[in-house]
Amino acid sequence: MAHIKSTSTHWGGEFNEIAYTGKGDGVYCEGRVVDVRFHSVNGTRDIHRYIAVRLDLLLARKRVFDARHVELQPHWKRVEQLRKEYAAGSFKVEKETDPIPVSLDEVLDIFGDESGAALPPKFGDAATMKTLHPHVKGRFEVWGSADRLKSLHLKPGDEVAFWTDGDSCIVQGMRSSSASEFEGKQGAEVMEGWGKKLDSAVDESTPLPGDALEGCDEDEW
């Protein structure tokens, strides 16, 4: 991820990520990367390092968990159908195993705040908000731990799948189309491959696309 820009926020107090991730089950999303940057949040006691990913959203659905808080994956064929119908908003949930779509405006509420901004207060200024949904339809920004995301070497044009930590813009995990398993494939082929992989991953020992890319580099950025 060489030569990408860096920004920072002086929080003016102690920054507590849990204050933003402590509610809801979160969403699973797929999108196309528009811009990537390192971002540091300078709190009173600590510096929190993130990678901010700006992307055009292609799909969003609810994360669903059972009573033991094990995440349940929808059937991949119905996810394929949701991909085809997401932009038009025409997908209908018919079975318990169907994905539950989350509209762009619902994503806005999850990622942002009650004012209708696409990010919570202090996560971006007024000029930033004008470059995101609803001003630019379907464009959002999510933040993920730098240690977790930097080994993905994200760049504009990459197709990514990610899931949030609760109802927030904080990323819990992300996979990229740059994963070797999908080399040579683009767009819908990549997303279809993820869907089938997630559906078949019953055994925890079964690796998912991008598993080899997760983790952090030892050198600082």
Protein backbone atom coordinates (compact mmCIF):
# COMPACT_ATOMS: atom_id res chain seq x y z
CA MET A 1 0.00 0.00 0.00
CA ALA A 2 2.82 2.36 -0.84
CA HIS A 3 2.20 5.98 -1.78
CA ILE A 4 -1.28 6.27 -0.34
CA LYS A 5 -2.18 9.43 1.53
CA SER A 6 -2.49 9.79 5.29
CA THR A 7 -4.87 11.93 7.32
CA SER A 8 -5.51 12.40 11.02
CA THR A 9 -8.13 13.60 13.48
CA HIS A 10 -7.41 15.25 16.82
CA TRP A 11 -10.33 13.87 18.79
CA GLY A 12 -10.29 16.37 21.63
CA GLY A 13 -10.77 13.71 24.29
CA GLU A 14 -10.55 9.95 24.69
CA PHE A 15 -11.65 7.98 21.62
CA ASN A 16 -13.66 4.86 22.43
CA GLU A 17 -14.43 2.66 19.41
CA ILE A 18 -16.88 0.54 21.44
CA ALA A 19 -19.17 3.55 21.70
CA TYR A 20 -19.81 3.13 17.95
CA THR A 21 -19.86 -0.69 17.66
CA GLY A 22 -21.82 -1.70 20.74
CA LYS A 23 -25.26 -2.13 19.18
CA GLY A 24 -26.85 -4.24 16.45
CA ASP A 25 -25.61 -7.27 14.52
CA GLY A 26 -24.07 -5.33 11.66
CA VAL A 27 -24.21 -5.74 7.90
CA TYR A 28 -22.40 -7.68 5.21
CA CYS A 29 -21.56 -5.58 2.15
CA GLU A 30 -19.90 -5.84 -1.23
CA GLY A 31 -18.48 -2.88 -3.11
CA ARG A 32 -15.89 -1.42 -5.44
CA VAL A 33 -13.01 0.58 -3.94
CA VAL A 34 -12.78 4.24 -4.96
CA ASP A 35 -10.08 5.51 -2.59
CA VAL A 36 -7.91 4.27 0.28
CA ARG A 37 -6.00 6.20 2.91
CA PHE A 38 -4.36 5.73 6.29
CA HIS A 39 -6.16 7.62 9.05
CA SER A 40 -5.04 8.20 12.65
CA VAL A 41 -7.38 9.21 15.45
CA ASN A 42 -5.37 11.03 18.10
CA GLY A 43 -7.14 10.69 21.43
CA THR A 44 -6.11 11.94 24.83
CA ARG A 45 -4.35 8.70 25.75
CA ASP A 46 -3.88 6.70 22.56
CA ILE A 47 -3.46 6.86 18.81
CA HIS A 48 -5.86 4.61 16.89
CA ARG A 49 -4.70 3.68 13.39
CA TYR A 50 -7.19 2.86 10.67
CA ILE A 51 -7.42 2.37 6.96
CA ALA A 52 -10.34 4.37 5.58
CA VAL A 53 -11.85 2.76 2.49
CA ARG A 54 -14.17 4.76 0.28
CA LEU A 55 -16.28 2.60 -2.01
CA ASP A 56 -19.35 2.32 -4.18
CA LEU A 57 -21.72 -0.14 -2.56
CA LEU A 58 -22.97 -3.00 -4.73
CA LEU A 59 -24.84 -5.01 -2.10
CA ALA A 60 -25.75 -4.87 1.58
CA ARG A 61 -27.56 -7.45 3.69
CA LYS A 62 -28.14 -8.04 7.37
CA ARG A 63 -25.84 -10.30 9.38
CA VAL A 64 -27.94 -12.99 11.08
CA PHE A 65 -26.94 -14.99 14.17
CA ASP A 66 -28.48 -17.95 15.98
CA ALA A 67 -29.10 -18.24 19.72
CA ARG A 68 -25.46 -19.20 20.29
CA HIS A 69 -24.35 -16.14 18.31
CA VAL A 70 -23.05 -18.28 15.45
CA GLU A 71 -23.43 -16.38 12.20
CA LEU A 72 -25.85 -17.94 9.71
CA GLN A 73 -25.06 -17.67 6.01
CA PRO A 74 -27.84 -17.32 3.43
CA HIS A 75 -28.01 -19.70 0.47
CA TRP A 76 -25.56 -18.59 -2.20
CA LYS A 77 -28.06 -18.92 -5.05
CA ARG A 78 -30.36 -16.44 -3.35
CA VAL A 79 -27.40 -14.15 -2.71
CA GLU A 80 -26.69 -14.26 -6.44
CA GLN A 81 -30.27 -13.20 -7.06
CA LEU A 82 -29.93 -10.37 -4.57
CA ARG A 83 -26.83 -9.14 -6.42
CA LYS A 84 -28.83 -8.95 -9.63
CA GLU A 85 -31.76 -7.15 -8.01
CA TYR A 86 -30.10 -5.04 -5.32
CA ALA A 87 -29.77 -1.82 -7.32
CA ALA A 88 -33.42 -1.97 -8.37
CA GLY A 89 -34.59 -2.87 -4.86
CA SER A 90 -36.76 -5.65 -6.24
CA PHE A 91 -35.48 -8.63 -4.22
CA LYS A 92 -38.14 -10.30 -2.05
CA VAL A 93 -37.35 -12.38 1.03
CA GLU A 94 -39.27 -15.67 0.74
CA LYS A 95 -37.51 -18.11 3.08
CA GLU A 96 -35.61 -18.05 6.36
CA THR A 97 -32.42 -18.90 4.44
CA ASP A 98 -32.79 -15.88 2.14
CA PRO A 99 -30.48 -12.88 2.52
CA ILE A 100 -32.18 -9.85 4.05
CA PRO A 101 -31.32 -6.81 1.94
CA VAL A 102 -30.40 -3.47 3.49
CA SER A 103 -31.13 -0.47 1.28
CA LEU A 104 -28.65 2.34 0.66
CA ASP A 105 -30.62 4.69 2.90
CA GLU A 106 -30.71 2.05 5.64
CA VAL A 107 -26.93 1.69 5.30
CA LEU A 108 -26.74 5.47 5.70
CA ASP A 109 -28.52 5.18 9.04
CA ILE A 110 -26.23 2.33 10.14
CA PHE A 111 -22.94 3.96 9.14
CA GLY A 112 -23.82 7.56 9.98
CA ASP A 113 -25.92 9.46 12.46
CA GLU A 114 -29.39 10.88 12.99
CA SER A 115 -28.57 14.01 10.99
CA GLY A 116 -28.47 11.99 7.77
CA ALA A 117 -24.69 12.16 7.40
CA ALA A 118 -22.86 9.11 6.05
CA LEU A 119 -20.38 9.08 8.95
CA PRO A 120 -20.70 9.78 12.70
CA PRO A 121 -19.68 13.19 14.09
CA LYS A 122 -15.91 13.84 13.94
CA PHE A 123 -15.40 11.01 11.42
CA GLY A 124 -15.52 13.59 8.64
CA ASP A 125 -16.24 17.26 8.02
CA ALA A 126 -19.07 18.80 6.00
CA ALA A 127 -17.02 18.74 2.80
CA THR A 128 -16.40 15.01 3.26
CA MET A 129 -20.09 14.29 3.75
CA LYS A 130 -20.92 15.98 0.44
CA THR A 131 -18.79 13.38 -1.36
CA LEU A 132 -20.75 10.45 0.14
CA HIS A 133 -24.31 9.09 0.01
CA PRO A 134 -26.89 10.58 -0.42
CA HIS A 135 -24.99 13.34 -2.28
CA VAL A 136 -23.14 10.69 -4.32
CA LYS A 137 -25.52 7.76 -4.56
CA GLY A 138 -24.19 4.54 -3.10
CA ARG A 139 -20.80 5.91 -2.06
CA PHE A 140 -19.74 5.24 1.52
CA GLU A 141 -16.64 5.22 3.69
CA VAL A 142 -15.73 2.53 6.21
CA TRP A 143 -12.86 2.32 8.67
CA GLY A 144 -10.93 -0.81 9.56
CA SER A 145 -7.97 -1.49 11.82
CA ALA A 146 -4.75 -0.79 9.93
CA ASP A 147 -3.23 -3.98 11.33
CA ARG A 148 -6.15 -5.96 9.95
CA LEU A 149 -6.52 -4.38 6.50
CA LYS A 150 -3.12 -3.19 5.32
CA SER A 151 -1.98 -6.64 4.13
CA LEU A 152 -4.83 -6.61 1.58
CA HIS A 153 -2.99 -3.89 -0.39
CA LEU A 154 -6.26 -2.32 -1.46
CA LYS A 155 -6.39 -0.06 -4.49
CA PRO A 156 -9.10 1.72 -6.50
CA GLY A 157 -11.09 -0.70 -8.62
CA ASP A 158 -10.75 -3.66 -6.25
CA GLU A 159 -13.95 -5.55 -5.49
CA VAL A 160 -14.29 -6.16 -1.75
CA ALA A 161 -16.61 -7.96 0.62
CA PHE A 162 -16.70 -6.74 4.23
CA TRP A 163 -18.74 -7.07 7.38
CA THR A 164 -19.15 -4.46 10.08
CA ASP A 165 -18.67 -4.59 13.82
CA GLY A 166 -22.24 -4.02 14.92
CA ASP A 167 -24.32 -1.31 13.30
CA SER A 168 -21.41 0.96 12.51
CA CYS A 169 -18.95 2.05 9.83
CA ILE A 170 -16.20 0.09 11.59
CA VAL A 171 -15.09 -2.97 9.62
CA GLN A 172 -14.70 -6.26 11.47
CA GLY A 173 -13.33 -8.12 8.46
CA MET A 174 -12.73 -7.67 4.74
CA ARG A 175 -11.75 -9.75 1.72
CA SER A 176 -10.50 -8.45 -1.60
CA SER A 177 -10.69 -9.59 -5.21
CA SER A 178 -6.90 -9.44 -5.23
CA ALA A 179 -6.94 -12.78 -3.37
CA SER A 180 -5.03 -15.33 -5.47
CA GLU A 181 -8.02 -17.69 -5.69
CA PHE A 182 -9.86 -15.07 -7.76
CA GLU A 183 -6.96 -13.91 -9.90
CA GLY A 184 -8.16 -13.27 -13.43
CA LYS A 185 -11.79 -12.89 -12.36
CA GLN A 186 -13.65 -9.64 -12.00
CA GLY A 187 -16.88 -8.16 -10.74
CA ALA A 188 -19.78 -10.59 -10.52
CA GLU A 189 -17.51 -13.63 -10.91
CA VAL A 190 -15.63 -12.67 -7.76
CA MET A 191 -18.78 -11.97 -5.77
CA GLU A 192 -20.37 -15.21 -6.96
CA GLY A 193 -17.26 -17.09 -5.86
CA TRP A 194 -17.46 -15.59 -2.39
CA GLY A 195 -21.11 -16.55 -2.11
CA LYS A 196 -20.48 -20.18 -2.99
CA LYS A 197 -17.46 -20.32 -0.71
CA LEU A 198 -19.34 -18.90 2.27
CA ASP A 199 -22.23 -21.29 1.67
CA SER A 200 -19.96 -24.32 1.58
CA ALA A 201 -17.78 -23.34 4.54
CA VAL A 202 -19.46 -25.61 7.10
CA ASP A 203 -16.20 -26.84 8.56
CA GLU A 204 -14.24 -24.09 10.31
CA SER A 205 -11.06 -25.62 8.89
CA THR A 206 -12.25 -24.79 5.35
CA PRO A 207 -10.35 -21.65 4.30
CA LEU A 208 -12.34 -18.75 2.88
CA PRO A 209 -11.04 -16.55 0.06
CA GLY A 210 -8.43 -14.15 1.38
CA ASP A 211 -7.68 -16.03 4.61
CA ALA A 212 -4.02 -16.06 3.67
CA LEU A 213 -4.09 -12.28 3.39
CA GLU A 214 -5.45 -11.58 6.84
CA GLY A 215 -3.20 -10.54 9.69
CA CYS A 216 -0.77 -7.70 10.05
CA ASP A 217 2.72 -6.84 8.88
CA GLU A 218 5.26 -6.39 11.61
CA ASP A 219 6.66 -3.16 10.26
CA GLU A 220 4.96 0.08 11.25
CA TRP A 221 3.39 2.42 8.70
